[in-house]
């Protein structure tokens, strides 16, 4: 799967791809981004993995900066 993602990012077919999976008690978001220079040439892939369980538990609103 990762090889196909990188192939699509390199070719310009996609600029990003997201997946989410459950890992035990955690719910994990995995994001892949194409990194390109100012000419649009592919430089590499950035992978970001985040436990999103705390995000799923958010209620209400937060409109101010934390102190």
Protein backbone atom coordinates (compact mmCIF):
# COMPACT_ATOMS: atom_id res chain seq x y z
CA UNK A 1 0.00 0.00 0.00
CA UNK A 2 2.74 2.48 0.94
CA UNK A 3 4.59 1.82 -2.33
CA UNK A 4 1.43 2.69 -4.31
CA UNK A 5 0.93 5.88 -2.28
CA UNK A 6 4.51 7.01 -2.93
CA UNK A 7 4.14 6.17 -6.64
CA UNK A 8 0.97 8.32 -6.85
CA UNK A 9 2.61 11.18 -4.95
CA UNK A 10 5.73 11.07 -7.16
CA UNK A 11 3.72 11.03 -10.38
CA UNK A 12 1.55 13.95 -9.29
CA UNK A 13 -1.60 11.83 -9.42
CA UNK A 14 -2.15 12.75 -5.76
CA UNK A 15 -0.77 15.38 -3.39
CA UNK A 16 -1.85 13.63 -0.19
CA UNK A 17 -3.52 10.48 1.12
CA UNK A 18 -5.13 9.74 4.50
CA UNK A 19 -5.81 6.49 6.36
CA UNK A 20 -7.24 5.80 9.80
CA UNK A 21 -6.96 2.59 11.78
CA UNK A 22 -7.70 1.34 15.27
CA UNK A 23 -4.61 0.26 17.22
CA UNK A 24 -5.80 -1.18 20.53
CA UNK A 25 -7.47 1.64 22.47
CA UNK A 26 -6.08 4.26 20.06
CA UNK A 27 -7.58 5.54 16.85
CA UNK A 28 -4.71 6.59 14.57
CA UNK A 29 -4.75 8.94 11.57
CA UNK A 30 -1.89 8.38 9.10
CA UNK A 31 -1.35 11.10 6.49
CA UNK A 32 1.08 11.12 3.57
CA UNK A 33 2.00 14.37 1.78
CA UNK A 34 4.04 14.95 -1.37
CA UNK A 35 6.85 17.44 -0.76
CA UNK A 36 7.61 19.50 -3.87
CA UNK A 37 9.95 22.36 -4.70
CA UNK A 38 8.83 25.72 -6.13
CA UNK A 39 8.87 24.18 -9.64
CA UNK A 40 6.50 21.42 -8.52
CA UNK A 41 9.20 18.74 -8.71
CA UNK A 42 8.80 15.86 -6.27
CA UNK A 43 11.35 15.91 -3.43
CA UNK A 44 9.97 13.27 -1.09
CA UNK A 45 7.11 12.14 1.10
CA UNK A 46 6.15 13.39 4.55
CA UNK A 47 4.31 10.91 6.78
CA UNK A 48 2.41 12.17 9.84
CA UNK A 49 0.89 9.74 12.35
CA UNK A 50 -1.44 11.05 15.05
CA UNK A 51 -3.49 9.47 17.83
CA UNK A 52 -6.88 11.08 17.20
CA UNK A 53 -8.79 9.53 20.11
CA UNK A 54 -8.43 12.77 22.13
CA UNK A 55 -9.76 14.74 19.15
CA UNK A 56 -12.79 12.47 18.90
CA UNK A 57 -13.59 13.27 22.54
CA UNK A 58 -13.70 17.06 22.01
CA UNK A 59 -16.92 18.81 22.93
CA UNK A 60 -17.88 22.47 22.87
CA UNK A 61 -15.66 25.15 21.35
CA UNK A 62 -12.23 26.66 21.96
CA UNK A 63 -11.83 30.14 20.53
CA UNK A 64 -9.00 31.56 22.66
CA UNK A 65 -5.27 30.87 22.84
CA UNK A 66 -4.00 28.66 25.66
CA UNK A 67 -2.05 30.50 28.33
